[in-house]
C-alpha atoms as a PDB file:
ATOM      1  CA  MET A   1      85.875  55.936 146.664  1.00  0.00           C
ATOM      2  CA  THR A   2      87.576  52.531 146.429  1.00  0.00           C
ATOM      3  CA  LYS A   3      89.275  51.822 143.107  1.00  0.00           C
ATOM      4  CA  GLN A   4      87.402  49.278 141.007  1.00  0.00           C
ATOM      5  CA  PHE A   5      89.029  46.936 138.471  1.00  0.00           C
ATOM      6  CA  LYS A   6      87.554  44.840 135.667  1.00  0.00           C
ATOM      7  CA  PRO A   7      87.910  41.050 135.669  1.00  0.00           C
ATOM      8  CA  ILE A   8      91.034  39.675 134.016  1.00  0.00           C
ATOM      9  CA  THR A   9      90.701  37.923 130.658  1.00  0.00           C
ATOM     10  CA  PRO A  10      91.140  34.155 131.116  1.00  0.00           C
ATOM     11  CA  GLY A  11      94.481  32.915 129.853  1.00  0.00           C
ATOM     12  CA  ALA A  12      98.049  32.259 130.847  1.00  0.00           C
ATOM     13  CA  TYR A  13      99.974  34.153 133.505  1.00  0.00           C
ATOM     14  CA  LEU A  14      97.037  35.727 135.308  1.00  0.00           C
ATOM     15  CA  SER A  15      99.336  37.143 137.978  1.00  0.00           C
ATOM     16  CA  ASP A  16     101.250  39.056 135.303  1.00  0.00           C
ATOM     17  CA  GLN A  17      98.012  40.527 133.979  1.00  0.00           C
ATOM     18  CA  VAL A  18      96.915  41.636 137.447  1.00  0.00           C
ATOM     19  CA  ALA A  19     100.343  43.127 138.169  1.00  0.00           C
ATOM     20  CA  ASP A  20     100.306  44.992 134.846  1.00  0.00           C
ATOM     21  CA  VAL A  21      96.926  46.565 135.555  1.00  0.00           C
ATOM     22  CA  LEU A  22      97.991  47.700 139.011  1.00  0.00           C
ATOM     23  CA  ALA A  23     101.383  48.924 137.769  1.00  0.00           C
ATOM     24  CA  ALA A  24      99.687  50.948 135.031  1.00  0.00           C
ATOM     25  CA  GLU A  25      97.400  52.569 137.605  1.00  0.00           C
ATOM     26  CA  ILE A  26     100.393  53.465 139.768  1.00  0.00           C
ATOM     27  CA  ARG A  27     102.514  54.838 136.923  1.00  0.00           C
ATOM     28  CA  ALA A  28      99.597  56.879 135.624  1.00  0.00           C
ATOM     29  CA  GLY A  29      99.075  58.383 139.088  1.00  0.00           C
ATOM     30  CA  ARG A  30      95.594  56.971 139.494  1.00  0.00           C
ATOM     31  CA  LEU A  31      96.987  55.132 142.492  1.00  0.00           C
ATOM     32  CA  GLY A  32      99.147  57.751 144.141  1.00  0.00           C
ATOM     33  CA  VAL A  33     102.020  57.595 146.604  1.00  0.00           C
ATOM     34  CA  GLY A  34     100.707  56.505 149.968  1.00  0.00           C
ATOM     35  CA  ASP A  35      97.478  55.086 148.553  1.00  0.00           C
ATOM     36  CA  LYS A  36      96.479  51.714 149.917  1.00  0.00           C
ATOM     37  CA  LEU A  37      95.784  48.935 147.442  1.00  0.00           C
ATOM     38  CA  PRO A  38      92.423  47.217 147.754  1.00  0.00           C
ATOM     39  CA  THR A  39      92.506  44.253 150.102  1.00  0.00           C
ATOM     40  CA  GLU A  40      93.457  40.835 148.814  1.00  0.00           C
ATOM     41  CA  ALA A  41      89.832  39.739 149.065  1.00  0.00           C
ATOM     42  CA  ALA A  42      88.668  42.790 147.125  1.00  0.00           C
ATOM     43  CA  LEU A  43      91.211  42.203 144.348  1.00  0.00           C
ATOM     44  CA  VAL A  44      90.192  38.547 144.136  1.00  0.00           C
ATOM     45  CA  ALA A  45      86.564  39.566 143.736  1.00  0.00           C
ATOM     46  CA  GLN A  46      87.242  42.333 141.193  1.00  0.00           C
ATOM     47  CA  PHE A  47      89.727  40.501 138.977  1.00  0.00           C
ATOM     48  CA  LEU A  48      87.941  37.146 139.394  1.00  0.00           C
ATOM     49  CA  VAL A  49      91.180  35.327 140.155  1.00  0.00           C
ATOM     50  CA  SER A  50      92.506  33.262 143.050  1.00  0.00           C
ATOM     51  CA  ARG A  51      94.267  34.548 146.149  1.00  0.00           C
ATOM     52  CA  THR A  52      97.467  32.944 144.891  1.00  0.00           C
ATOM     53  CA  VAL A  53      97.289  34.995 141.690  1.00  0.00           C
ATOM     54  CA  VAL A  54      96.802  38.209 143.653  1.00  0.00           C
ATOM     55  CA  ARG A  55      99.671  37.407 146.003  1.00  0.00           C
ATOM     56  CA  GLU A  56     102.007  36.694 143.095  1.00  0.00           C
ATOM     57  CA  ALA A  57     100.979  39.954 141.414  1.00  0.00           C
ATOM     58  CA  VAL A  58     101.601  41.989 144.565  1.00  0.00           C
ATOM     59  CA  SER A  59     104.944  40.245 145.028  1.00  0.00           C
ATOM     60  CA  ARG A  60     105.959  41.349 141.554  1.00  0.00           C
ATOM     61  CA  LEU A  61     104.941  44.930 142.289  1.00  0.00           C
ATOM     62  CA  LYS A  62     107.130  44.793 145.400  1.00  0.00           C
ATOM     63  CA  SER A  63     110.086  43.501 143.373  1.00  0.00           C
ATOM     64  CA  LEU A  64     109.655  46.462 141.036  1.00  0.00           C
ATOM     65  CA  GLY A  65     109.709  48.861 143.976  1.00  0.00           C
ATOM     66  CA  LEU A  66     106.180  50.123 143.346  1.00  0.00           C
ATOM     67  CA  VAL A  67     104.565  49.037 146.618  1.00  0.00           C
ATOM     68  CA  ASP A  68     105.453  47.833 150.090  1.00  0.00           C
ATOM     69  CA  SER A  69     103.611  46.098 152.898  1.00  0.00           C
ATOM     70  CA  ARG A  70     102.870  47.582 156.309  1.00  0.00           C
ATOM     71  CA  GLN A  71     102.426  45.009 159.015  1.00  0.00           C
ATOM     72  CA  GLY A  72      98.794  44.674 159.961  1.00  0.00           C
ATOM     73  CA  SER A  73      97.780  47.544 157.704  1.00  0.00           C
ATOM     74  CA  GLY A  74      98.011  46.536 154.059  1.00  0.00           C
ATOM     75  CA  VAL A  75      99.948  47.248 150.857  1.00  0.00           C
ATOM     76  CA  TYR A  76     100.732  50.835 149.922  1.00  0.00           C
ATOM     77  CA  VAL A  77     102.098  52.633 146.854  1.00  0.00           C
ATOM     78  CA  LYS A  78     105.699  53.728 147.329  1.00  0.00           C
ATOM     79  CA  GLU A  79     107.306  56.962 146.222  1.00  0.00           C
ATOM     80  CA  VAL A  80     109.438  56.493 143.129  1.00  0.00           C
ATOM     81  CA  GLY A  81     112.999  57.477 143.847  1.00  0.00           C
ATOM     82  CA  PHE A  82     113.737  58.984 140.435  1.00  0.00           C
ATOM     83  CA  SER A  83     112.026  60.896 137.656  1.00  0.00           C
ATOM     84  CA  PRO A  84     110.656  58.710 134.869  1.00  0.00           C
ATOM     85  CA  LEU A  85     111.983  58.955 131.356  1.00  0.00           C
ATOM     86  CA  ASN A  86     110.064  61.336 129.149  1.00  0.00           C
ATOM     87  CA  PHE A  87     108.911  59.763 125.887  1.00  0.00           C
ATOM     88  CA  ASP A  88     106.180  60.973 123.599  1.00  0.00           C
ATOM     89  CA  ALA A  89     104.892  57.576 122.545  1.00  0.00           C
ATOM     90  CA  ARG A  90     102.233  58.897 120.187  1.00  0.00           C
ATOM     91  CA  SER A  91     104.767  60.770 118.060  1.00  0.00           C
ATOM     92  CA  ALA A  92     106.277  57.445 116.962  1.00  0.00           C
ATOM     93  CA  VAL A  93     104.344  56.990 113.731  1.00  0.00           C
ATOM     94  CA  SER A  94     107.096  56.498 111.153  1.00  0.00           C
ATOM     95  CA  LYS A  95     109.131  53.589 109.846  1.00  0.00           C
ATOM     96  CA  GLN A  96     112.259  55.211 111.233  1.00  0.00           C
ATOM     97  CA  ALA A  97     110.708  55.510 114.685  1.00  0.00           C
ATOM     98  CA  VAL A  98     109.788  51.820 114.722  1.00  0.00           C
ATOM     99  CA  ILE A  99     113.320  50.884 113.674  1.00  0.00           C
ATOM    100  CA  GLN A 100     114.755  53.062 116.426  1.00  0.00           C
ATOM    101  CA  MET A 101     112.508  51.363 118.970  1.00  0.00           C
ATOM    102  CA  VAL A 102     113.728  47.952 117.836  1.00  0.00           C
ATOM    103  CA  GLU A 103     117.325  49.183 118.145  1.00  0.00           C
ATOM    104  CA  VAL A 104     116.667  50.035 121.792  1.00  0.00           C
ATOM    105  CA  ARG A 105     115.176  46.609 122.308  1.00  0.00           C
ATOM    106  CA  ARG A 106     118.146  44.926 120.654  1.00  0.00           C
ATOM    107  CA  ALA A 107     120.497  46.212 123.340  1.00  0.00           C
ATOM    108  CA  LEU A 108     118.195  45.121 126.157  1.00  0.00           C
ATOM    109  CA  GLU A 109     116.965  41.820 124.754  1.00  0.00           C
ATOM    110  CA  ALA A 110     120.479  40.594 123.965  1.00  0.00           C
ATOM    111  CA  GLU A 111     121.558  41.185 127.560  1.00  0.00           C
ATOM    112  CA  VAL A 112     118.398  39.586 128.916  1.00  0.00           C
ATOM    113  CA  ALA A 113     118.875  36.463 126.774  1.00  0.00           C
ATOM    114  CA  GLU A 114     122.488  36.099 127.884  1.00  0.00           C
ATOM    115  CA  LEU A 115     121.568  36.373 131.561  1.00  0.00           C
ATOM    116  CA  ALA A 116     118.663  33.981 131.090  1.00  0.00           C
ATOM    117  CA  ALA A 117     121.029  31.390 129.624  1.00  0.00           C
ATOM    118  CA  ARG A 118     123.235  31.726 132.703  1.00  0.00           C
ATOM    119  CA  ARG A 119     120.490  31.683 135.310  1.00  0.00           C
ATOM    120  CA  ARG A 120     117.465  29.822 133.945  1.00  0.00           C
ATOM    121  CA  SER A 121     115.841  26.978 135.801  1.00  0.00           C
ATOM    122  CA  GLN A 122     113.884  24.066 134.379  1.00  0.00           C
ATOM    123  CA  ALA A 123     110.719  25.864 135.466  1.00  0.00           C
ATOM    124  CA  ASP A 124     111.818  28.884 133.408  1.00  0.00           C
ATOM    125  CA  ILE A 125     112.406  26.716 130.349  1.00  0.00           C
ATOM    126  CA  LYS A 126     108.978  25.142 130.752  1.00  0.00           C
ATOM    127  CA  ARG A 127     107.324  28.545 130.971  1.00  0.00           C
ATOM    128  CA  ILE A 128     109.184  29.855 127.898  1.00  0.00           C
ATOM    129  CA  ARG A 129     108.183  26.747 125.949  1.00  0.00           C
ATOM    130  CA  GLN A 130     104.568  27.175 127.043  1.00  0.00           C
ATOM    131  CA  SER A 131     104.607  30.773 125.863  1.00  0.00           C
ATOM    132  CA  ILE A 132     105.753  29.688 122.400  1.00  0.00           C
ATOM    133  CA  THR A 133     102.940  27.141 122.263  1.00  0.00           C
ATOM    134  CA  LEU A 134     100.397  29.792 123.198  1.00  0.00           C
ATOM    135  CA  LEU A 135     101.830  32.164 120.579  1.00  0.00           C
ATOM    136  CA  ASP A 136     101.570  29.493 117.880  1.00  0.00           C
ATOM    137  CA  LYS A 137      97.970  28.758 118.854  1.00  0.00           C
ATOM    138  CA  ALA A 138      97.068  32.449 118.769  1.00  0.00           C
ATOM    139  CA  VAL A 139      98.496  32.871 115.276  1.00  0.00           C
ATOM    140  CA  GLN A 140      96.886  29.668 114.016  1.00  0.00           C
ATOM    141  CA  GLY A 141      93.581  30.916 115.400  1.00  0.00           C
ATOM    142  CA  GLY A 142      93.816  34.118 113.389  1.00  0.00           C
ATOM    143  CA  GLY A 143      94.973  36.399 116.197  1.00  0.00           C
ATOM    144  CA  ASP A 144      97.789  38.930 116.000  1.00  0.00           C
ATOM    145  CA  GLY A 145      99.743  37.202 118.762  1.00  0.00           C
ATOM    146  CA  VAL A 146     100.851  40.469 120.356  1.00  0.00           C
ATOM    147  CA  ASP A 147      99.914  39.531 123.916  1.00  0.00           C
ATOM    148  CA  GLU A 148     101.332  36.039 123.549  1.00  0.00           C
ATOM    149  CA  ASP A 149     104.562  37.377 122.087  1.00  0.00           C
ATOM    150  CA  VAL A 150     104.818  39.759 125.027  1.00  0.00           C
ATOM    151  CA  GLN A 151     104.499  36.782 127.362  1.00  0.00           C
ATOM    152  CA  TYR A 152     107.273  34.952 125.516  1.00  0.00           C
ATOM    153  CA  HIS A 153     109.728  37.785 126.013  1.00  0.00           C
ATOM    154  CA  ARG A 154     108.527  38.300 129.569  1.00  0.00           C
ATOM    155  CA  ALA A 155     109.250  34.659 130.386  1.00  0.00           C
ATOM    156  CA  ILE A 156     112.823  35.102 129.163  1.00  0.00           C
ATOM    157  CA  ALA A 157     113.189  38.321 131.153  1.00  0.00           C
ATOM    158  CA  ASP A 158     112.017  36.548 134.304  1.00  0.00           C
ATOM    159  CA  ALA A 159     114.672  33.878 133.766  1.00  0.00           C
ATOM    160  CA  ALA A 160     117.355  36.614 133.763  1.00  0.00           C
ATOM    161  CA  ARG A 161     116.662  37.192 137.475  1.00  0.00           C
ATOM    162  CA  ASN A 162     117.342  40.935 137.370  1.00  0.00           C
ATOM    163  CA  PRO A 163     114.462  43.070 138.684  1.00  0.00           C
ATOM    164  CA  PHE A 164     116.047  46.279 137.402  1.00  0.00           C
ATOM    165  CA  LEU A 165     116.177  44.958 133.850  1.00  0.00           C
ATOM    166  CA  ILE A 166     112.604  43.723 134.178  1.00  0.00           C
ATOM    167  CA  GLY A 167     111.503  47.113 135.477  1.00  0.00           C
ATOM    168  CA  THR A 168     113.217  48.888 132.573  1.00  0.00           C
ATOM    169  CA  LEU A 169     111.573  46.593 130.060  1.00  0.00           C
ATOM    170  CA  GLU A 170     108.175  47.027 131.662  1.00  0.00           C
ATOM    171  CA  TYR A 171     108.498  50.798 131.644  1.00  0.00           C
ATOM    172  CA  LEU A 172     109.549  50.883 127.991  1.00  0.00           C
ATOM    173  CA  ALA A 173     106.800  48.445 127.026  1.00  0.00           C
ATOM    174  CA  GLN A 174     104.144  51.142 127.249  1.00  0.00           C
ATOM    175  CA  PHE A 175     105.961  53.012 124.457  1.00  0.00           C
ATOM    176  CA  LEU A 176     106.954  49.993 122.395  1.00  0.00           C
ATOM    177  CA  ARG A 177     103.606  48.214 122.251  1.00  0.00           C
ATOM    178  CA  GLY A 178     102.490  50.223 119.241  1.00  0.00           C
ATOM    179  CA  ALA A 179     105.645  49.163 117.417  1.00  0.00           C
ATOM    180  CA  THR A 180     104.898  45.575 118.410  1.00  0.00           C
ATOM    181  CA  ARG A 181     101.502  45.791 116.724  1.00  0.00           C
ATOM    182  CA  VAL A 182     103.181  47.110 113.592  1.00  0.00           C
ATOM    183  CA  THR A 183     105.937  44.490 113.402  1.00  0.00           C
ATOM    184  CA  ARG A 184     103.500  41.658 113.954  1.00  0.00           C
ATOM    185  CA  ALA A 185     101.108  43.054 111.348  1.00  0.00           C
ATOM    186  CA  ASN A 186     103.991  43.292 108.889  1.00  0.00           C
ATOM    187  CA  GLU A 187     105.121  39.741 109.584  1.00  0.00           C
ATOM    188  CA  ALA A 188     101.592  38.374 109.285  1.00  0.00           C
ATOM    189  CA  ARG A 189     101.451  39.606 105.674  1.00  0.00           C
ATOM    190  CA  ARG A 190     104.017  37.043 104.545  1.00  0.00           C
ATOM    191  CA  GLU A 191     104.296  33.391 105.421  1.00  0.00           C
ATOM    192  CA  ASP A 192     108.088  33.486 105.124  1.00  0.00           C
ATOM    193  CA  PHE A 193     108.249  36.342 107.647  1.00  0.00           C
ATOM    194  CA  ALA A 194     106.070  34.451 110.121  1.00  0.00           C
ATOM    195  CA  ARG A 195     108.202  31.338 109.706  1.00  0.00           C
ATOM    196  CA  GLN A 196     111.394  33.340 110.252  1.00  0.00           C
ATOM    197  CA  VAL A 197     110.053  34.779 113.496  1.00  0.00           C
ATOM    198  CA  ARG A 198     109.094  31.326 114.750  1.00  0.00           C
ATOM    199  CA  ASP A 199     112.538  29.953 113.909  1.00  0.00           C
ATOM    200  CA  GLU A 200     114.279  32.901 115.581  1.00  0.00           C
ATOM    201  CA  HIS A 201     112.250  32.425 118.751  1.00  0.00           C
ATOM    202  CA  GLU A 202     113.216  28.754 118.766  1.00  0.00           C
ATOM    203  CA  MET A 203     116.921  29.540 118.349  1.00  0.00           C
ATOM    204  CA  ILE A 204     116.839  31.870 121.359  1.00  0.00           C
ATOM    205  CA  VAL A 205     115.096  29.259 123.487  1.00  0.00           C
ATOM    206  CA  GLN A 206     117.480  26.502 122.425  1.00  0.00           C
ATOM    207  CA  ALA A 207     120.482  28.619 123.421  1.00  0.00           C
ATOM    208  CA  ILE A 208     118.932  29.471 126.787  1.00  0.00           C
ATOM    209  CA  GLU A 209     117.963  25.858 127.370  1.00  0.00           C
ATOM    210  CA  ALA A 210     121.522  24.753 126.538  1.00  0.00           C
ATOM    211  CA  GLY A 211     122.933  27.276 128.990  1.00  0.00           C
ATOM    212  CA  ASP A 212     124.951  28.949 126.224  1.00  0.00           C
ATOM    213  CA  PRO A 213     125.037  32.702 127.014  1.00  0.00           C
ATOM    214  CA  VAL A 214     127.090  33.631 123.934  1.00  0.00           C
ATOM    215  CA  ALA A 215     124.688  31.880 121.574  1.00  0.00           C
ATOM    216  CA  ALA A 216     121.671  33.301 123.414  1.00  0.00           C
ATOM    217  CA  ARG A 217     122.961  36.870 123.112  1.00  0.00           C
ATOM    218  CA  LYS A 218     123.771  36.360 119.438  1.00  0.00           C
ATOM    219  CA  ALA A 219     120.365  34.816 118.690  1.00  0.00           C
ATOM    220  CA  ALA A 220     118.463  37.595 120.458  1.00  0.00           C
ATOM    221  CA  ALA A 221     120.466  40.333 118.724  1.00  0.00           C
ATOM    222  CA  GLN A 222     120.000  38.637 115.357  1.00  0.00           C
ATOM    223  CA  HIS A 223     116.258  38.401 116.047  1.00  0.00           C
ATOM    224  CA  MET A 224     116.123  42.186 116.401  1.00  0.00           C
ATOM    225  CA  ASP A 225     118.366  42.769 113.368  1.00  0.00           C
ATOM    226  CA  ASN A 226     116.097  40.568 111.288  1.00  0.00           C
ATOM    227  CA  ALA A 227     113.051  42.423 112.623  1.00  0.00           C
ATOM    228  CA  ILE A 228     114.566  45.659 111.301  1.00  0.00           C
ATOM    229  CA  GLN A 229     115.168  44.043 107.907  1.00  0.00           C
ATOM    230  CA  ARG A 230     111.550  42.875 107.768  1.00  0.00           C
ATOM    231  CA  ILE A 231     110.369  46.376 108.666  1.00  0.00           C
ATOM    232  CA  GLU A 232     112.488  47.880 105.892  1.00  0.00           C
ATOM    233  CA  GLN A 233     110.887  45.531 103.359  1.00  0.00           C
ATOM    234  CA  ALA A 234     107.354  46.746 104.084  1.00  0.00           C
ATOM    235  CA  ASP A 235     105.800  48.769 101.261  1.00  0.00           C
ATOM    236  CA  PRO A 236     104.527  52.404 101.550  1.00  0.00           C
ATOM    237  CA  ALA A 237     100.883  51.306 101.674  1.00  0.00           C
ATOM    238  CA  PHE A 238     101.619  49.234 104.750  1.00  0.00           C
ATOM    239  CA  TRP A 239     103.231  52.192 106.499  1.00  0.00           C
ATOM    240  CA  GLU A 240     100.177  54.356 105.941  1.00  0.00           C
ATOM    241  CA  GLN A 241      98.168  51.762 107.867  1.00  0.00           C
ATOM    242  CA  ALA A 242     100.944  51.371 110.437  1.00  0.00           C
ATOM    243  CA  GLY A 243     100.811  55.061 111.266  1.00  0.00           C
ATOM    244  CA  VAL A 244      97.191  54.648 112.286  1.00  0.00           C
ATOM    245  CA  GLN A 245      98.058  51.644 114.451  1.00  0.00           C
ATOM    246  CA  LEU A 246     100.858  53.468 116.232  1.00  0.00           C
ATOM    247  CA  ALA A 247      98.639  56.464 116.889  1.00  0.00           C
ATOM    248  CA  ARG A 248      96.182  54.404 118.939  1.00  0.00           C
ATOM    249  CA  PRO A 249      96.331  54.854 122.721  1.00  0.00           C
ATOM    250  CA  LEU A 250      99.109  52.682 124.108  1.00  0.00           C
ATOM    251  CA  VAL A 251      98.590  50.554 127.201  1.00  0.00           C
ATOM    252  CA  CYS A 252     101.415  49.569 129.511  1.00  0.00           C
ATOM    253  CA  ALA A 253     102.230  45.934 128.935  1.00  0.00           C
ATOM    254  CA  LEU A 254     104.922  43.306 129.445  1.00  0.00           C
ATOM    255  CA  PRO A 255     108.043  43.127 127.353  1.00  0.00           C
ATOM    256  CA  MET A 256     107.795  42.879 124.238  1.00  0.00           C
ATOM    257  CA  HIS A 257     107.943  41.670 120.646  1.00  0.00           C
ATOM    258  CA  ASN A 258     110.387  41.761 117.795  1.00  0.00           C
END
């Protein structure tokens, strides 16, 4: 039976959303090695997006080494050349676990920001700026901003021009998304926290835009350090609620939040 997908939610970066859905299916084994992806026309009809969106999504899957094209035949799932890391995402229900997740992100995000400052194009800067605008609108509209924050960090990762780093971040995202929900919920409780996050995002972008890799690395690392400090300031009642949030099923997503 041909795999069926639900339409994509209207919004920014539709190709990323399509790629994420397909990547999640592949990593979960629901699309196995050697399986053929639905045709371009079928994906257009199922996701309710344009052919350009589908082509961009498939291109990203190819860059991640998840699929390849066979001339005149279609796009097929590739065999992964190594064993995936083994994390138990649903065991991460404590303050300490969230802090440890942010520590992992600090190492990766600092490197990504530095590379982005070295390699970014004007198109990259525009996309990063757009992602901040969308994040601000989501928060102002009463949303949690998780998806928009993910897009912000994804835009920076794309500017780093390193598919292996992007692949690592995407793989880890399925385990870190619960922590993202928690950090954003914590920051939404206090106006000063929310303002700090906005300012930290802006500092990272300014450094990348200026082509200053040292400042970009420092700003990204400080963003994560400050995230840890904000987590440590949350009261016990908040962490009882956070444990419930982290225990929800996690969905593979783009990288990531603070």
